[in-house]
Amino acid sequence: MIFKQLFESDSSTYTYLIACEQSRQAILIDPVIDTVERDLQVLRDLGLTLMATLETHVHADHLPAVSR
C-alpha cells in the first residue's frame, strides 16, 4: 500500500493519497481545488492512475477539487 499525507497551508487542509503498489490505482481523499496540479504531479511522479476521489466532509472555507 502507498500512503501519502499532503498539506495545503492556506486552508490548513490535509489531502490523503492511498494507492495499490501492484495495480498502481489511487484514490485521493479530500482534495483541495488550489492543489490540483500538485496532486496530479504527485500521481505522475509515483506512476499512479487516479481512480476516484472521496470527500469526507464539506468545508465553507475551501472548495473541494472533485469537480476538476
PDB file of N, CA and C in Angstrom:
ATOM      1  N   MET A   1       0.843  -1.175   0.000  1.00  0.00           N
ATOM      2  CA  MET A   1       0.000   0.000   0.000  1.00  0.00           C
ATOM      3  C   MET A   1       0.892   1.243   0.000  1.00  0.00           C
ATOM      4  N   ILE A   2       0.483   2.216  -0.775  1.00  0.00           N
ATOM      5  CA  ILE A   2       1.141   3.516  -0.803  1.00  0.00           C
ATOM      6  C   ILE A   2       0.231   4.485  -0.064  1.00  0.00           C
ATOM      7  N   PHE A   3       0.804   5.255   0.848  1.00  0.00           N
ATOM      8  CA  PHE A   3       0.041   6.241   1.607  1.00  0.00           C
ATOM      9  C   PHE A   3       0.852   7.518   1.700  1.00  0.00           C
ATOM     10  N   LYS A   4       0.219   8.648   1.363  1.00  0.00           N
ATOM     11  CA  LYS A   4       0.871   9.955   1.498  1.00  0.00           C
ATOM     12  C   LYS A   4      -0.131  10.936   2.072  1.00  0.00           C
ATOM     13  N   GLN A   5       0.353  11.744   2.999  1.00  0.00           N
ATOM     14  CA  GLN A   5      -0.435  12.840   3.545  1.00  0.00           C
ATOM     15  C   GLN A   5       0.091  14.131   2.916  1.00  0.00           C
ATOM     16  N   LEU A   6      -0.794  14.887   2.282  1.00  0.00           N
ATOM     17  CA  LEU A   6      -0.420  16.133   1.607  1.00  0.00           C
ATOM     18  C   LEU A   6      -1.096  17.291   2.323  1.00  0.00           C
ATOM     19  N   PHE A   7      -0.371  18.394   2.517  1.00  0.00           N
ATOM     20  CA  PHE A   7      -0.894  19.520   3.289  1.00  0.00           C
ATOM     21  C   PHE A   7      -1.023  20.762   2.422  1.00  0.00           C
ATOM     22  N   GLU A   8      -2.156  21.462   2.562  1.00  0.00           N
ATOM     23  CA  GLU A   8      -2.394  22.729   1.883  1.00  0.00           C
ATOM     24  C   GLU A   8      -2.429  23.796   2.970  1.00  0.00           C
ATOM     25  N   SER A   9      -1.405  24.642   2.993  1.00  0.00           N
ATOM     26  CA  SER A   9      -1.207  25.548   4.125  1.00  0.00           C
ATOM     27  C   SER A   9      -2.221  26.696   4.205  1.00  0.00           C
ATOM     28  N   ASP A  10      -2.702  27.213   3.081  1.00  0.00           N
ATOM     29  CA  ASP A  10      -3.632  28.346   3.137  1.00  0.00           C
ATOM     30  C   ASP A  10      -4.911  28.013   3.901  1.00  0.00           C
ATOM     31  N   SER A  11      -5.435  26.823   3.700  1.00  0.00           N
ATOM     32  CA  SER A  11      -6.670  26.426   4.392  1.00  0.00           C
ATOM     33  C   SER A  11      -6.404  25.422   5.509  1.00  0.00           C
ATOM     34  N   SER A  12      -5.127  25.112   5.742  1.00  0.00           N
ATOM     35  CA  SER A  12      -4.742  24.114   6.763  1.00  0.00           C
ATOM     36  C   SER A  12      -5.500  22.807   6.556  1.00  0.00           C
ATOM     37  N   THR A  13      -5.502  22.356   5.305  1.00  0.00           N
ATOM     38  CA  THR A  13      -6.261  21.175   4.914  1.00  0.00           C
ATOM     39  C   THR A  13      -5.332  20.034   4.506  1.00  0.00           C
ATOM     40  N   TYR A  14      -5.685  18.842   4.933  1.00  0.00           N
ATOM     41  CA  TYR A  14      -4.935  17.656   4.543  1.00  0.00           C
ATOM     42  C   TYR A  14      -5.671  16.904   3.442  1.00  0.00           C
ATOM     43  N   THR A  15      -4.916  16.425   2.478  1.00  0.00           N
ATOM     44  CA  THR A  15      -5.397  15.510   1.449  1.00  0.00           C
ATOM     45  C   THR A  15      -4.615  14.222   1.626  1.00  0.00           C
ATOM     46  N   TYR A  16      -5.281  13.108   1.433  1.00  0.00           N
ATOM     47  CA  TYR A  16      -4.624  11.815   1.589  1.00  0.00           C
ATOM     48  C   TYR A  16      -4.640  11.062   0.264  1.00  0.00           C
ATOM     49  N   LEU A  17      -3.512  10.469  -0.047  1.00  0.00           N
ATOM     50  CA  LEU A  17      -3.355   9.642  -1.234  1.00  0.00           C
ATOM     51  C   LEU A  17      -3.161   8.206  -0.768  1.00  0.00           C
ATOM     52  N   ILE A  18      -4.008   7.318  -1.264  1.00  0.00           N
ATOM     53  CA  ILE A  18      -3.879   5.890  -0.974  1.00  0.00           C
ATOM     54  C   ILE A  18      -3.859   5.168  -2.310  1.00  0.00           C
ATOM     55  N   ALA A  19      -2.911   4.244  -2.460  1.00  0.00           N
ATOM     56  CA  ALA A  19      -2.787   3.538  -3.734  1.00  0.00           C
ATOM     57  C   ALA A  19      -2.311   2.108  -3.509  1.00  0.00           C
ATOM     58  N   CYS A  20      -2.575   1.293  -4.514  1.00  0.00           N
ATOM     59  CA  CYS A  20      -2.123  -0.092  -4.517  1.00  0.00           C
ATOM     60  C   CYS A  20      -0.782  -0.170  -5.243  1.00  0.00           C
ATOM     61  N   GLU A  21       0.198  -0.768  -4.608  1.00  0.00           N
ATOM     62  CA  GLU A  21       1.525  -0.883  -5.219  1.00  0.00           C
ATOM     63  C   GLU A  21       1.508  -1.759  -6.474  1.00  0.00           C
ATOM     64  N   GLN A  22       0.637  -2.769  -6.506  1.00  0.00           N
ATOM     65  CA  GLN A  22       0.609  -3.675  -7.653  1.00  0.00           C
ATOM     66  C   GLN A  22      -0.178  -3.117  -8.827  1.00  0.00           C
ATOM     67  N   SER A  23      -1.390  -2.654  -8.571  1.00  0.00           N
ATOM     68  CA  SER A  23      -2.243  -2.173  -9.672  1.00  0.00           C
ATOM     69  C   SER A  23      -1.917  -0.730 -10.069  1.00  0.00           C
ATOM     70  N   ARG A  24      -1.262   0.012  -9.178  1.00  0.00           N
ATOM     71  CA  ARG A  24      -0.914   1.428  -9.379  1.00  0.00           C
ATOM     72  C   ARG A  24      -2.165   2.309  -9.452  1.00  0.00           C
ATOM     73  N   GLN A  25      -3.291   1.828  -8.930  1.00  0.00           N
ATOM     74  CA  GLN A  25      -4.516   2.605  -8.876  1.00  0.00           C
ATOM     75  C   GLN A  25      -4.563   3.376  -7.566  1.00  0.00           C
ATOM     76  N   ALA A  26      -5.053   4.631  -7.655  1.00  0.00           N
ATOM     77  CA  ALA A  26      -5.018   5.503  -6.491  1.00  0.00           C
ATOM     78  C   ALA A  26      -6.360   6.181  -6.243  1.00  0.00           C
ATOM     79  N   ILE A  27      -6.524   6.626  -5.012  1.00  0.00           N
ATOM     80  CA  ILE A  27      -7.663   7.437  -4.614  1.00  0.00           C
ATOM     81  C   ILE A  27      -7.121   8.624  -3.833  1.00  0.00           C
ATOM     82  N   LEU A  28      -7.717   9.797  -4.061  1.00  0.00           N
ATOM     83  CA  LEU A  28      -7.399  10.988  -3.277  1.00  0.00           C
ATOM     84  C   LEU A  28      -8.575  11.263  -2.350  1.00  0.00           C
ATOM     85  N   ILE A  29      -8.275  11.468  -1.088  1.00  0.00           N
ATOM     86  CA  ILE A  29      -9.304  11.759  -0.094  1.00  0.00           C
ATOM     87  C   ILE A  29      -9.201  13.229   0.286  1.00  0.00           C
ATOM     88  N   ASP A  30     -10.307  13.934   0.168  1.00  0.00           N
ATOM     89  CA  ASP A  30     -10.423  15.356   0.490  1.00  0.00           C
ATOM     90  C   ASP A  30      -9.445  16.246  -0.280  1.00  0.00           C
ATOM     91  N   PRO A  31      -9.381  16.119  -1.618  1.00  0.00           N
ATOM     92  CA  PRO A  31      -8.515  17.010  -2.386  1.00  0.00           C
ATOM     93  C   PRO A  31      -9.024  18.452  -2.342  1.00  0.00           C
ATOM     94  N   VAL A  32      -8.102  19.399  -2.474  1.00  0.00           N
ATOM     95  CA  VAL A  32      -8.416  20.830  -2.419  1.00  0.00           C
ATOM     96  C   VAL A  32      -8.179  21.431  -3.799  1.00  0.00           C
ATOM     97  N   ILE A  33      -9.076  22.293  -4.236  1.00  0.00           N
ATOM     98  CA  ILE A  33      -9.004  22.841  -5.588  1.00  0.00           C
ATOM     99  C   ILE A  33      -7.689  23.594  -5.852  1.00  0.00           C
ATOM    100  N   ASP A  34      -7.149  24.256  -4.843  1.00  0.00           N
ATOM    101  CA  ASP A  34      -5.910  25.028  -5.032  1.00  0.00           C
ATOM    102  C   ASP A  34      -4.677  24.153  -5.252  1.00  0.00           C
ATOM    103  N   THR A  35      -4.784  22.877  -4.975  1.00  0.00           N
ATOM    104  CA  THR A  35      -3.613  21.998  -5.091  1.00  0.00           C
ATOM    105  C   THR A  35      -3.804  20.884  -6.118  1.00  0.00           C
ATOM    106  N   VAL A  36      -4.731  21.069  -7.033  1.00  0.00           N
ATOM    107  CA  VAL A  36      -4.993  20.044  -8.051  1.00  0.00           C
ATOM    108  C   VAL A  36      -3.728  19.705  -8.830  1.00  0.00           C
ATOM    109  N   GLU A  37      -3.012  20.721  -9.300  1.00  0.00           N
ATOM    110  CA  GLU A  37      -1.800  20.462 -10.091  1.00  0.00           C
ATOM    111  C   GLU A  37      -0.737  19.746  -9.271  1.00  0.00           C
ATOM    112  N   ARG A  38      -0.570  20.144  -8.022  1.00  0.00           N
ATOM    113  CA  ARG A  38       0.387  19.454  -7.147  1.00  0.00           C
ATOM    114  C   ARG A  38       0.018  17.983  -6.995  1.00  0.00           C
ATOM    115  N   ASP A  39      -1.269  17.729  -6.725  1.00  0.00           N
ATOM    116  CA  ASP A  39      -1.723  16.355  -6.517  1.00  0.00           C
ATOM    117  C   ASP A  39      -1.548  15.509  -7.773  1.00  0.00           C
ATOM    118  N   LEU A  40      -1.879  16.082  -8.936  1.00  0.00           N
ATOM    119  CA  LEU A  40      -1.694  15.358 -10.193  1.00  0.00           C
ATOM    120  C   LEU A  40      -0.210  15.076 -10.456  1.00  0.00           C
ATOM    121  N   GLN A  41       0.652  16.002 -10.081  1.00  0.00           N
ATOM    122  CA  GLN A  41       2.089  15.782 -10.253  1.00  0.00           C
ATOM    123  C   GLN A  41       2.588  14.663  -9.348  1.00  0.00           C
ATOM    124  N   VAL A  42       2.084  14.605  -8.129  1.00  0.00           N
ATOM    125  CA  VAL A  42       2.455  13.518  -7.216  1.00  0.00           C
ATOM    126  C   VAL A  42       2.039  12.181  -7.822  1.00  0.00           C
ATOM    127  N   LEU A  43       0.842  12.121  -8.376  1.00  0.00           N
ATOM    128  CA  LEU A  43       0.378  10.889  -9.019  1.00  0.00           C
ATOM    129  C   LEU A  43       1.291  10.504 -10.180  1.00  0.00           C
ATOM    130  N   ARG A  44       1.644  11.477 -11.014  1.00  0.00           N
ATOM    131  CA  ARG A  44       2.550  11.210 -12.148  1.00  0.00           C
ATOM    132  C   ARG A  44       3.917  10.740 -11.656  1.00  0.00           C
ATOM    133  N   ASP A  45       4.454  11.434 -10.653  1.00  0.00           N
ATOM    134  CA  ASP A  45       5.776  11.081 -10.129  1.00  0.00           C
ATOM    135  C   ASP A  45       5.823   9.656  -9.595  1.00  0.00           C
ATOM    136  N   LEU A  46       4.712   9.201  -9.044  1.00  0.00           N
ATOM    137  CA  LEU A  46       4.656   7.853  -8.474  1.00  0.00           C
ATOM    138  C   LEU A  46       4.161   6.813  -9.480  1.00  0.00           C
ATOM    139  N   GLY A  47       3.818   7.257 -10.692  1.00  0.00           N
ATOM    140  CA  GLY A  47       3.334   6.328 -11.711  1.00  0.00           C
ATOM    141  C   GLY A  47       1.973   5.742 -11.377  1.00  0.00           C
ATOM    142  N   LEU A  48       1.089   6.572 -10.802  1.00  0.00           N
ATOM    143  CA  LEU A  48      -0.224   6.107 -10.363  1.00  0.00           C
ATOM    144  C   LEU A  48      -1.322   6.625 -11.276  1.00  0.00           C
ATOM    145  N   THR A  49      -2.428   5.884 -11.320  1.00  0.00           N
ATOM    146  CA  THR A  49      -3.624   6.286 -12.044  1.00  0.00           C
ATOM    147  C   THR A  49      -4.710   6.611 -11.030  1.00  0.00           C
ATOM    148  N   LEU A  50      -5.255   7.811 -11.109  1.00  0.00           N
ATOM    149  CA  LEU A  50      -6.323   8.211 -10.194  1.00  0.00           C
ATOM    150  C   LEU A  50      -7.620   7.532 -10.608  1.00  0.00           C
ATOM    151  N   MET A  51      -8.187   6.764  -9.705  1.00  0.00           N
ATOM    152  CA  MET A  51      -9.424   6.032  -9.988  1.00  0.00           C
ATOM    153  C   MET A  51     -10.643   6.714  -9.378  1.00  0.00           C
ATOM    154  N   ALA A  52     -10.424   7.461  -8.277  1.00  0.00           N
ATOM    155  CA  ALA A  52     -11.559   8.091  -7.597  1.00  0.00           C
ATOM    156  C   ALA A  52     -11.065   9.150  -6.633  1.00  0.00           C
ATOM    157  N   THR A  53     -11.988  10.029  -6.281  1.00  0.00           N
ATOM    158  CA  THR A  53     -11.753  10.960  -5.188  1.00  0.00           C
ATOM    159  C   THR A  53     -12.880  10.768  -4.184  1.00  0.00           C
ATOM    160  N   LEU A  54     -12.618  11.119  -2.951  1.00  0.00           N
ATOM    161  CA  LEU A  54     -13.601  10.949  -1.886  1.00  0.00           C
ATOM    162  C   LEU A  54     -13.606  12.191  -1.015  1.00  0.00           C
ATOM    163  N   GLU A  55     -14.767  12.786  -0.852  1.00  0.00           N
ATOM    164  CA  GLU A  55     -14.936  13.917   0.058  1.00  0.00           C
ATOM    165  C   GLU A  55     -15.568  13.372   1.333  1.00  0.00           C
ATOM    166  N   THR A  56     -14.880  13.552   2.447  1.00  0.00           N
ATOM    167  CA  THR A  56     -15.405  13.029   3.711  1.00  0.00           C
ATOM    168  C   THR A  56     -16.283  14.045   4.433  1.00  0.00           C
ATOM    169  N   HIS A  57     -16.164  15.326   4.053  1.00  0.00           N
ATOM    170  CA  HIS A  57     -16.942  16.379   4.695  1.00  0.00           C
ATOM    171  C   HIS A  57     -16.851  17.643   3.835  1.00  0.00           C
ATOM    172  N   VAL A  58     -17.663  18.626   4.162  1.00  0.00           N
ATOM    173  CA  VAL A  58     -17.683  19.883   3.419  1.00  0.00           C
ATOM    174  C   VAL A  58     -17.154  20.995   4.324  1.00  0.00           C
ATOM    175  N   HIS A  59     -16.318  21.836   3.749  1.00  0.00           N
ATOM    176  CA  HIS A  59     -15.804  22.996   4.460  1.00  0.00           C
ATOM    177  C   HIS A  59     -16.237  24.251   3.719  1.00  0.00           C
ATOM    178  N   ALA A  60     -16.697  25.244   4.440  1.00  0.00           N
ATOM    179  CA  ALA A  60     -17.086  26.508   3.817  1.00  0.00           C
ATOM    180  C   ALA A  60     -15.873  27.339   3.438  1.00  0.00           C
ATOM    181  N   ASP A  61     -14.716  27.072   4.042  1.00  0.00           N
ATOM    182  CA  ASP A  61     -13.530  27.904   3.809  1.00  0.00           C
ATOM    183  C   ASP A  61     -12.662  27.453   2.634  1.00  0.00           C
ATOM    184  N   HIS A  62     -13.013  26.381   1.959  1.00  0.00           N
ATOM    185  CA  HIS A  62     -12.290  25.970   0.763  1.00  0.00           C
ATOM    186  C   HIS A  62     -13.191  25.154  -0.140  1.00  0.00           C
ATOM    187  N   LEU A  63     -12.831  25.112  -1.390  1.00  0.00           N
ATOM    188  CA  LEU A  63     -13.596  24.356  -2.379  1.00  0.00           C
ATOM    189  C   LEU A  63     -12.950  23.003  -2.611  1.00  0.00           C
ATOM    190  N   PRO A  64     -13.720  21.943  -2.652  1.00  0.00           N
ATOM    191  CA  PRO A  64     -13.150  20.639  -2.955  1.00  0.00           C
ATOM    192  C   PRO A  64     -12.705  20.574  -4.422  1.00  0.00           C
ATOM    193  N   ALA A  65     -11.796  19.691  -4.699  1.00  0.00           N
ATOM    194  CA  ALA A  65     -11.249  19.569  -6.045  1.00  0.00           C
ATOM    195  C   ALA A  65     -11.933  18.495  -6.866  1.00  0.00           C
ATOM    196  N   VAL A  66     -12.956  17.881  -6.349  1.00  0.00           N
ATOM    197  CA  VAL A  66     -13.611  16.774  -7.052  1.00  0.00           C
ATOM    198  C   VAL A  66     -14.141  17.202  -8.400  1.00  0.00           C
ATOM    199  N   SER A  67     -14.589  18.423  -8.532  1.00  0.00           N
ATOM    200  CA  SER A  67     -15.188  18.872  -9.782  1.00  0.00           C
ATOM    201  C   SER A  67     -14.173  19.069 -10.897  1.00  0.00           C
ATOM    202  N   ARG A  68     -12.882  19.064 -10.597  1.00  0.00           N
ATOM    203  CA  ARG A  68     -11.855  19.290 -11.608  1.00  0.00           C
ATOM    204  C   ARG A  68     -11.570  18.061 -12.331  1.00  0.00           C
TER     205      ARG A  68
END
